[in-house]
């Protein structure tokens, strides 16, 4: 496929530059957009933008971007409707190189280098990005440079697009579905997660957080004497003092590293506490303090947690938001900070065995008249049902009675390559 073959009246290559601050929606700086068929070029500074986009976003237009959730987030910040059809070259390229080496990375310049295009402007790109992050005001010279840089990105898209379309594994329908998910991700980022702003600022305060972590140390350590308080007020675990404690209390056989130092890993502590239960309060103290890393969630002025979700970043196409910034990544107890406003409600919804059901749908036609994978999914525990089908566990097995075997089959089923999971699992079920 070549760009002219795309079934759309208009094909827009577009890129925004914006100021991105933690927890806030993008503050749009400028826009560059080029329509491939007509050559029409749009360059707008923020004060030139109106309440409506300067192009059609309906069924007749395709919007080509790289990491399209950023462009969609700018649309939402401006109050513009989202494009109906989006071709995000980022997940398309990631899909093509998945399992291969992309020497210059999987960003826009890395993708161009992968296809042999010379890109000597990485330093310029970094410099312009850094300038954008500083925000307003911009001098006239900076404004011209920023608009030129924005337009350069659309030219990069124009160079990359034919390579993506020409790849034998490229599927337009799938790519448009990926683009739709990028738009949905932008909506999630735009809305954010409402936070309890009575409690969150206190937890985010460095001094308050230190007091929470440190107040428990003297009470527990009084029995052990292995923590030392530095000049900055921070408590730290002292290995030499701990080794002295072990000697004083005749606790022998503590594992050591190749270097000769004590092995202080959590698993080692857990194992040693089974033989020396008096160490359990110390283990719990260390474990709790290690888990109580400072809260660094990205929360905007409106009390909403927002961060870039980075869809399709993992090899499995999962999103990869920065863990410290996203409420669903750190310790589970922090989710108690989520608080809907008056008259609102929040539902935390997770798919059950989603990968298995997708494989069942893909395997239809390989299993004869019955889709046994779908039947197993409908049982409520497809992994245990699979184990029963191949005779690995008895028919009356439960998750509790055969948890280890269930987990083994779950790992096996989820280890299939995405492209062949449905067919491969289907063949196993036929044989079973």
Protein backbone atom coordinates (compact mmCIF):
# COMPACT_ATOMS: atom_id res chain seq x y z
CA UNK A 1 0.00 0.00 0.00
CA UNK A 2 1.11 3.55 -0.76
CA UNK A 3 -0.28 6.77 0.78
CA UNK A 4 -2.43 7.53 -2.26
CA UNK A 5 -4.18 4.17 -1.80
CA UNK A 6 -5.57 5.10 1.59
CA UNK A 7 -9.38 5.23 1.36
CA UNK A 8 -9.83 8.80 2.62
CA UNK A 9 -10.52 12.06 0.82
CA UNK A 10 -8.03 13.90 3.04
CA UNK A 11 -4.86 12.63 4.70
CA UNK A 12 -3.53 15.00 7.33
CA UNK A 13 -0.05 14.81 8.83
CA UNK A 14 -0.27 16.85 11.99
CA UNK A 15 1.77 17.77 15.03
CA UNK A 16 1.33 20.04 18.05
CA UNK A 17 3.90 21.59 20.33
CA UNK A 18 2.77 22.24 23.87
CA UNK A 19 3.84 22.93 27.43
CA UNK A 20 3.42 19.80 29.53
CA UNK A 21 3.32 20.17 33.31
CA UNK A 22 2.83 17.38 35.83
CA UNK A 23 -0.84 16.68 36.41
CA UNK A 24 -2.05 19.31 33.94
CA UNK A 25 -3.60 19.09 30.49
CA UNK A 26 -1.32 20.32 27.67
CA UNK A 27 -0.95 24.05 27.18
CA UNK A 28 -0.90 24.22 23.37
CA UNK A 29 1.79 26.38 21.73
CA UNK A 30 1.40 25.79 18.01
CA UNK A 31 0.11 23.45 15.33
CA UNK A 32 1.46 22.30 11.98
CA UNK A 33 -0.63 20.20 9.60
CA UNK A 34 -0.10 19.14 5.98
CA UNK A 35 -2.75 17.52 3.79
CA UNK A 36 -1.04 14.99 1.51
CA UNK A 37 -3.38 15.02 -1.48
CA UNK A 38 -3.67 18.79 -1.93
CA UNK A 39 -0.44 19.90 -0.28
CA UNK A 40 -2.41 22.36 1.85
CA UNK A 41 -0.27 23.46 4.81
CA UNK A 42 -1.53 24.94 8.09
CA UNK A 43 0.70 26.63 10.65
CA UNK A 44 -1.04 28.24 13.61
CA UNK A 45 0.24 29.86 16.79
CA UNK A 46 -1.95 29.51 19.86
CA UNK A 47 -3.52 32.95 19.56
CA UNK A 48 -4.52 32.15 15.96
CA UNK A 49 -6.56 29.10 16.93
CA UNK A 50 -10.33 29.31 17.32
CA UNK A 51 -12.89 27.09 19.02
CA UNK A 52 -13.03 24.87 15.93
CA UNK A 53 -10.24 22.90 14.21
CA UNK A 54 -8.96 24.25 10.87
CA UNK A 55 -9.62 20.90 9.16
CA UNK A 56 -12.33 18.27 8.93
CA UNK A 57 -12.23 15.58 11.62
CA UNK A 58 -15.05 13.48 10.13
CA UNK A 59 -15.26 10.19 8.27
CA UNK A 60 -13.59 11.53 5.11
CA UNK A 61 -10.30 12.45 6.81
CA UNK A 62 -7.38 10.42 8.16
CA UNK A 63 -4.97 11.91 10.68
CA UNK A 64 -1.44 10.57 10.74
CA UNK A 65 0.60 11.11 13.90
CA UNK A 66 3.40 9.62 15.93
CA UNK A 67 2.20 8.95 19.51
CA UNK A 68 -1.27 10.19 18.60
CA UNK A 69 -2.52 10.47 22.18
CA UNK A 70 -0.44 13.67 22.47
CA UNK A 71 -2.15 15.24 19.46
CA UNK A 72 -5.55 14.06 20.70
CA UNK A 73 -4.82 15.54 24.13
CA UNK A 74 -4.19 18.90 22.45
CA UNK A 75 -7.50 18.62 20.60
CA UNK A 76 -9.27 18.05 23.92
CA UNK A 77 -7.41 20.89 25.63
CA UNK A 78 -8.57 23.24 22.85
CA UNK A 79 -12.14 21.98 23.02
CA UNK A 80 -11.87 20.48 19.52
CA UNK A 81 -13.54 17.19 18.53
CA UNK A 82 -11.24 14.20 18.21
CA UNK A 83 -10.47 12.97 14.68
CA UNK A 84 -12.70 10.10 13.62
CA UNK A 85 -9.85 8.17 11.98
CA UNK A 86 -6.29 8.12 13.34
CA UNK A 87 -3.23 6.31 12.03
CA UNK A 88 -0.66 6.33 14.82
CA UNK A 89 2.70 5.39 13.33
CA UNK A 90 4.18 4.71 16.76
CA UNK A 91 2.33 1.44 17.55
CA UNK A 92 2.52 0.52 13.86
CA UNK A 93 6.31 0.79 13.94
CA UNK A 94 6.53 -0.96 17.30
CA UNK A 95 4.51 -3.85 15.93
CA UNK A 96 6.82 -4.13 12.92
CA UNK A 97 10.04 -4.18 14.97
CA UNK A 98 8.71 -6.18 17.92
CA UNK A 99 11.32 -8.88 18.53
CA UNK A 100 13.85 -7.10 16.32
CA UNK A 101 16.54 -4.59 17.11
CA UNK A 102 15.83 -0.92 16.51
CA UNK A 103 19.34 0.53 17.03
CA UNK A 104 18.23 4.16 17.38
CA UNK A 105 15.19 3.42 19.52
CA UNK A 106 11.48 3.39 18.75
CA UNK A 107 10.82 7.12 18.68
CA UNK A 108 10.15 9.08 15.51
CA UNK A 109 13.82 9.69 14.70
CA UNK A 110 14.67 6.10 15.58
CA UNK A 111 11.99 4.87 13.17
CA UNK A 112 13.39 7.04 10.38
CA UNK A 113 16.90 5.78 11.05
CA UNK A 114 15.59 2.20 10.97
CA UNK A 115 14.49 2.79 7.38
CA UNK A 116 17.75 4.43 6.38
CA UNK A 117 16.83 8.11 6.58
CA UNK A 118 19.49 10.48 7.82
CA UNK A 119 18.29 12.37 10.89
CA UNK A 120 20.91 14.77 12.15
CA UNK A 121 18.60 16.89 14.24
CA UNK A 122 18.30 14.92 17.50
CA UNK A 123 20.09 17.66 19.44
CA UNK A 124 17.89 20.30 17.84
CA UNK A 125 14.80 18.27 18.70
CA UNK A 126 15.88 17.95 22.33
CA UNK A 127 16.65 21.66 22.51
CA UNK A 128 13.27 22.64 21.08
CA UNK A 129 11.46 20.23 23.40
CA UNK A 130 13.30 21.71 26.38
CA UNK A 131 12.36 25.21 25.27
CA UNK A 132 8.71 24.23 24.91
CA UNK A 133 8.70 22.83 28.45
CA UNK A 134 9.85 26.19 29.81
CA UNK A 135 6.62 27.69 28.55
CA UNK A 136 5.57 31.24 27.93
CA UNK A 137 6.51 33.86 26.82
CA UNK A 138 8.27 33.21 23.51
CA UNK A 139 10.28 35.78 21.59
CA UNK A 140 9.48 36.34 17.93
CA UNK A 141 12.59 34.37 16.98
CA UNK A 142 11.62 31.49 19.28
CA UNK A 143 8.12 31.53 17.86
CA UNK A 144 9.44 31.14 14.32
CA UNK A 145 11.81 28.38 15.39
CA UNK A 146 9.06 26.52 17.22
CA UNK A 147 6.70 26.65 14.25
CA UNK A 148 9.46 25.50 11.89
CA UNK A 149 10.29 22.63 14.23
CA UNK A 150 6.63 21.65 14.40
CA UNK A 151 6.41 21.60 10.60
CA UNK A 152 9.59 19.49 10.40
CA UNK A 153 7.83 16.77 12.38
CA UNK A 154 5.09 16.55 9.74
CA UNK A 155 7.78 16.12 7.08
CA UNK A 156 9.24 13.29 9.14
CA UNK A 157 5.81 11.67 9.20
CA UNK A 158 5.63 12.00 5.41
CA UNK A 159 8.96 10.15 5.07
CA UNK A 160 7.97 7.42 7.51
CA UNK A 161 4.42 6.75 6.29
CA UNK A 162 5.29 4.89 3.03
CA UNK A 163 7.57 2.47 4.90
CA UNK A 164 4.86 1.59 7.40
CA UNK A 165 2.23 1.13 4.70
CA UNK A 166 4.56 -1.04 2.62
CA UNK A 167 5.31 -3.49 5.42
CA UNK A 168 3.68 -6.88 4.67
CA UNK A 169 2.42 -7.14 8.25
CA UNK A 170 0.68 -3.76 8.17
CA UNK A 171 -3.09 -4.00 8.53
CA UNK A 172 -5.03 -0.75 8.12
CA UNK A 173 -8.06 -1.93 10.08
CA UNK A 174 -5.90 -2.94 13.03
CA UNK A 175 -3.91 0.29 12.80
CA UNK A 176 -7.10 2.38 12.88
CA UNK A 177 -8.23 0.42 15.92
CA UNK A 178 -4.91 1.25 17.58
CA UNK A 179 -5.51 4.88 16.68
CA UNK A 180 -8.92 4.74 18.30
CA UNK A 181 -7.34 3.44 21.48
CA UNK A 182 -4.80 6.28 21.41
CA UNK A 183 -7.74 8.70 21.29
CA UNK A 184 -9.44 6.92 24.20
CA UNK A 185 -6.18 7.11 26.15
CA UNK A 186 -6.11 10.85 25.55
CA UNK A 187 -9.63 11.15 26.96
CA UNK A 188 -8.54 9.22 30.06
CA UNK A 189 -5.53 11.49 30.46
CA UNK A 190 -7.68 14.58 29.91
CA UNK A 191 -10.27 13.62 32.52
CA UNK A 192 -7.75 12.38 35.08
CA UNK A 193 -8.53 10.65 38.37
CA UNK A 194 -10.09 12.80 41.13
CA UNK A 195 -8.01 12.85 44.30
CA UNK A 196 -8.74 13.55 47.95
CA UNK A 197 -7.14 16.96 48.18
CA UNK A 198 -7.56 17.13 51.94
CA UNK A 199 -5.16 14.22 52.42
CA UNK A 200 -2.99 14.14 49.30
CA UNK A 201 -1.08 17.41 49.88
CA UNK A 202 -0.06 16.15 53.31
CA UNK A 203 1.23 12.85 51.93
CA UNK A 204 3.04 14.64 49.12
CA UNK A 205 4.77 16.95 51.61
CA UNK A 206 8.35 15.75 52.03
CA UNK A 207 8.56 16.58 55.73
CA UNK A 208 5.24 14.94 56.57
CA UNK A 209 6.18 11.82 54.64
CA UNK A 210 9.53 11.58 56.40
CA UNK A 211 7.81 11.79 59.77
CA UNK A 212 5.42 8.99 58.79
CA UNK A 213 8.32 6.77 57.75
CA UNK A 214 10.57 7.61 60.67
CA UNK A 215 8.22 7.67 63.67
CA UNK A 216 8.03 3.88 63.68
CA UNK A 217 11.81 3.35 63.74
CA UNK A 218 12.71 4.14 67.39
CA UNK A 219 9.90 2.02 68.81
CA UNK A 220 10.79 -1.09 66.81
CA UNK A 221 14.56 -0.62 66.72
CA UNK A 222 14.79 -0.29 70.51
CA UNK A 223 14.88 -4.09 70.62
CA UNK A 224 17.55 -4.43 67.90
CA UNK A 225 19.75 -1.33 67.85
CA UNK A 226 20.57 -1.55 64.15
CA UNK A 227 19.36 1.81 62.84
CA UNK A 228 21.45 4.98 62.87
CA UNK A 229 20.16 8.52 62.49
CA UNK A 230 22.28 10.76 60.30
CA UNK A 231 22.95 14.48 60.58
CA UNK A 232 20.08 15.09 58.13
CA UNK A 233 17.66 13.28 60.44
CA UNK A 234 17.28 10.25 58.17
CA UNK A 235 17.29 6.78 59.70
CA UNK A 236 19.37 4.14 57.92
CA UNK A 237 19.88 0.42 58.46
CA UNK A 238 23.46 -0.29 59.60
CA UNK A 239 24.83 -3.64 58.43
CA UNK A 240 27.72 -3.74 60.93
CA UNK A 241 25.37 -3.12 63.85
CA UNK A 242 23.03 -5.81 62.53
CA UNK A 243 25.89 -8.30 62.31
CA UNK A 244 26.77 -7.47 65.93
CA UNK A 245 23.15 -8.09 66.91
CA UNK A 246 23.27 -11.51 65.24
CA UNK A 247 26.46 -12.40 67.15
CA UNK A 248 25.05 -11.22 70.49
CA UNK A 249 21.93 -13.30 70.06
CA UNK A 250 23.63 -16.42 68.67
CA UNK A 251 21.78 -16.21 65.35
CA UNK A 252 24.02 -18.25 63.08
CA UNK A 253 23.98 -19.31 59.45
CA UNK A 254 22.92 -16.00 57.93
CA UNK A 255 23.57 -16.24 54.15
CA UNK A 256 26.29 -14.08 52.66
CA UNK A 257 26.97 -12.67 49.22
CA UNK A 258 30.07 -13.54 47.19
CA UNK A 259 31.59 -10.32 48.52
CA UNK A 260 31.33 -11.67 52.07
CA UNK A 261 28.67 -9.16 53.11
CA UNK A 262 25.40 -10.30 54.63
CA UNK A 263 22.62 -11.04 52.17
CA UNK A 264 19.94 -8.52 53.19
CA UNK A 265 17.38 -9.27 50.48
CA UNK A 266 13.75 -9.48 51.49
CA UNK A 267 13.54 -13.18 50.61
CA UNK A 268 16.54 -13.92 52.81
CA UNK A 269 14.94 -12.08 55.74
CA UNK A 270 11.71 -14.01 55.21
CA UNK A 271 13.52 -17.35 55.24
CA UNK A 272 15.61 -16.52 58.33
CA UNK A 273 12.55 -15.30 60.23
CA UNK A 274 11.08 -18.78 60.00
CA UNK A 275 13.92 -20.10 62.15
CA UNK A 276 14.32 -16.93 64.24
CA UNK A 277 10.83 -15.43 64.63
CA UNK A 278 12.17 -12.73 66.96
CA UNK A 279 13.50 -11.01 63.80
CA UNK A 280 10.05 -10.58 62.29
CA UNK A 281 9.40 -7.04 63.72
CA UNK A 282 12.69 -5.89 62.17
CA UNK A 283 11.84 -7.48 58.83
CA UNK A 284 8.44 -5.79 58.86
CA UNK A 285 10.05 -2.43 59.66
CA UNK A 286 12.51 -2.74 56.76
CA UNK A 287 9.81 -3.94 54.39
CA UNK A 288 7.38 -1.17 55.33
CA UNK A 289 9.97 1.58 55.02
CA UNK A 290 11.13 0.27 51.63
CA UNK A 291 7.54 0.29 50.39
CA UNK A 292 6.86 3.77 51.74
CA UNK A 293 8.65 5.65 49.02
CA UNK A 294 7.74 9.30 48.81
CA UNK A 295 4.45 9.98 47.04
CA UNK A 296 5.22 11.68 43.71
CA UNK A 297 1.89 11.44 41.91
CA UNK A 298 1.26 13.97 39.15
CA UNK A 299 -1.73 15.96 40.41
CA UNK A 300 -3.01 19.08 38.68
CA UNK A 301 -4.36 22.28 40.16
CA UNK A 302 -7.89 20.88 39.75
CA UNK A 303 -7.06 17.93 42.03
CA UNK A 304 -6.89 15.33 39.26
CA UNK A 305 -4.11 12.80 38.77
CA UNK A 306 -2.90 12.91 35.17
CA UNK A 307 0.11 11.46 33.45
CA UNK A 308 0.88 10.21 29.94
CA UNK A 309 -0.37 6.64 29.72
CA UNK A 310 2.00 5.72 26.86
CA UNK A 311 -0.20 3.18 25.09
CA UNK A 312 1.48 0.28 23.25
CA UNK A 313 4.87 0.90 24.88
CA UNK A 314 5.39 -2.63 26.21
CA UNK A 315 6.28 -5.60 24.00
CA UNK A 316 2.82 -6.94 24.81
CA UNK A 317 1.29 -3.57 23.71
CA UNK A 318 0.33 -2.69 27.26
CA UNK A 319 0.41 0.92 28.38
CA UNK A 320 3.39 2.01 30.49
CA UNK A 321 2.67 5.19 32.45
CA UNK A 322 5.47 6.33 34.71
CA UNK A 323 4.83 4.34 37.89
CA UNK A 324 5.59 7.09 40.40
CA UNK A 325 3.18 9.48 38.64
CA UNK A 326 0.13 7.25 38.18
CA UNK A 327 -2.23 6.41 41.06
CA UNK A 328 -2.68 2.78 39.96
CA UNK A 329 1.04 1.93 39.92
CA UNK A 330 2.43 2.47 43.46
CA UNK A 331 1.29 0.68 46.63
CA UNK A 332 -2.37 -0.38 46.50
CA UNK A 333 -3.25 1.45 49.71
CA UNK A 334 -2.64 4.78 47.94
CA UNK A 335 -5.78 4.16 45.88
CA UNK A 336 -7.71 5.27 48.94
CA UNK A 337 -6.71 8.76 47.81
CA UNK A 338 -9.13 8.45 44.88
CA UNK A 339 -12.21 10.49 45.77
CA UNK A 340 -15.05 11.40 43.38
CA UNK A 341 -16.66 14.79 43.69
CA UNK A 342 -20.20 15.42 45.00
CA UNK A 343 -22.80 13.61 42.95
CA UNK A 344 -20.15 11.52 41.19
CA UNK A 345 -19.05 7.89 41.50
CA UNK A 346 -16.03 5.87 40.40
CA UNK A 347 -15.95 2.22 39.37
CA UNK A 348 -12.68 0.30 39.32
CA UNK A 349 -13.18 -2.28 36.57
CA UNK A 350 -10.71 -4.91 35.39
CA UNK A 351 -11.12 -7.56 32.72
CA UNK A 352 -10.90 -11.15 33.87
CA UNK A 353 -8.70 -13.47 31.78
CA UNK A 354 -8.89 -11.04 28.88
CA UNK A 355 -5.96 -12.60 27.00
CA UNK A 356 -7.63 -16.02 27.09
CA UNK A 357 -10.90 -14.67 25.71
CA UNK A 358 -9.07 -12.85 22.90
CA UNK A 359 -7.33 -16.11 22.01
CA UNK A 360 -10.70 -17.85 22.04
CA UNK A 361 -12.06 -15.33 19.55
CA UNK A 362 -8.99 -15.66 17.33
CA UNK A 363 -9.14 -19.47 17.45
CA UNK A 364 -12.72 -19.66 16.14
CA UNK A 365 -12.66 -21.86 13.04
CA UNK A 366 -9.76 -23.96 14.30
CA UNK A 367 -11.81 -25.92 16.82
CA UNK A 368 -14.58 -27.38 14.73
CA UNK A 369 -18.24 -26.81 15.69
CA UNK A 370 -17.39 -26.01 19.33
CA UNK A 371 -15.19 -23.23 20.59
CA UNK A 372 -13.96 -24.96 23.72
CA UNK A 373 -11.81 -21.99 24.71
CA UNK A 374 -14.91 -19.79 24.83
CA UNK A 375 -16.64 -22.45 26.93
CA UNK A 376 -13.70 -22.51 29.32
CA UNK A 377 -13.74 -18.72 29.57
CA UNK A 378 -17.45 -18.87 30.40
CA UNK A 379 -16.68 -21.28 33.27
CA UNK A 380 -15.21 -18.38 35.25
CA UNK A 381 -11.72 -19.91 35.54
CA UNK A 382 -10.36 -20.82 32.08
CA UNK A 383 -6.91 -21.72 33.37
CA UNK A 384 -8.22 -24.37 35.75
CA UNK A 385 -10.69 -25.57 33.12
CA UNK A 386 -7.81 -25.98 30.66
CA UNK A 387 -5.87 -28.03 33.22
CA UNK A 388 -8.92 -30.24 33.71
CA UNK A 389 -9.37 -30.67 29.94
CA UNK A 390 -5.85 -32.06 29.50
CA UNK A 391 -6.07 -34.24 32.60
CA UNK A 392 -3.55 -32.31 34.68
CA UNK A 393 -5.98 -31.96 37.61
CA UNK A 394 -9.11 -33.89 38.62
CA UNK A 395 -12.53 -32.73 37.44
CA UNK A 396 -13.48 -31.55 40.94
CA UNK A 397 -10.31 -29.45 41.38
CA UNK A 398 -10.70 -25.89 42.65
CA UNK A 399 -8.46 -22.85 42.66
CA UNK A 400 -7.79 -23.45 46.35
CA UNK A 401 -7.13 -27.18 46.15
CA UNK A 402 -4.83 -27.02 43.07
CA UNK A 403 -3.53 -23.44 43.05
CA UNK A 404 0.04 -24.37 42.07
CA UNK A 405 -1.04 -26.42 39.04
CA UNK A 406 -3.56 -23.75 38.02
CA UNK A 407 -0.84 -21.08 38.13
CA UNK A 408 1.46 -23.27 36.05
CA UNK A 409 -1.15 -23.64 33.31
CA UNK A 410 -2.01 -19.95 33.48
CA UNK A 411 1.64 -19.05 32.87
CA UNK A 412 1.83 -21.51 30.01
CA UNK A 413 -1.30 -20.20 28.30
CA UNK A 414 -0.33 -16.55 28.65
CA UNK A 415 3.16 -17.26 27.28
CA UNK A 416 1.92 -17.87 23.73
CA UNK A 417 2.99 -15.37 21.10
CA UNK A 418 0.17 -12.90 20.40
CA UNK A 419 -0.04 -13.70 16.71
CA UNK A 420 -0.48 -17.43 17.15
CA UNK A 421 -2.02 -17.73 20.61
CA UNK A 422 -5.53 -18.57 19.46
CA UNK A 423 -4.45 -21.16 16.88
CA UNK A 424 -1.86 -22.83 19.10
CA UNK A 425 -4.07 -22.99 22.16
CA UNK A 426 -6.90 -24.25 19.99
CA UNK A 427 -4.80 -27.16 18.68
CA UNK A 428 -3.82 -28.09 22.24
CA UNK A 429 -7.50 -28.16 23.22
CA UNK A 430 -8.38 -30.34 20.23
CA UNK A 431 -5.71 -32.84 21.20
CA UNK A 432 -6.84 -32.68 24.85
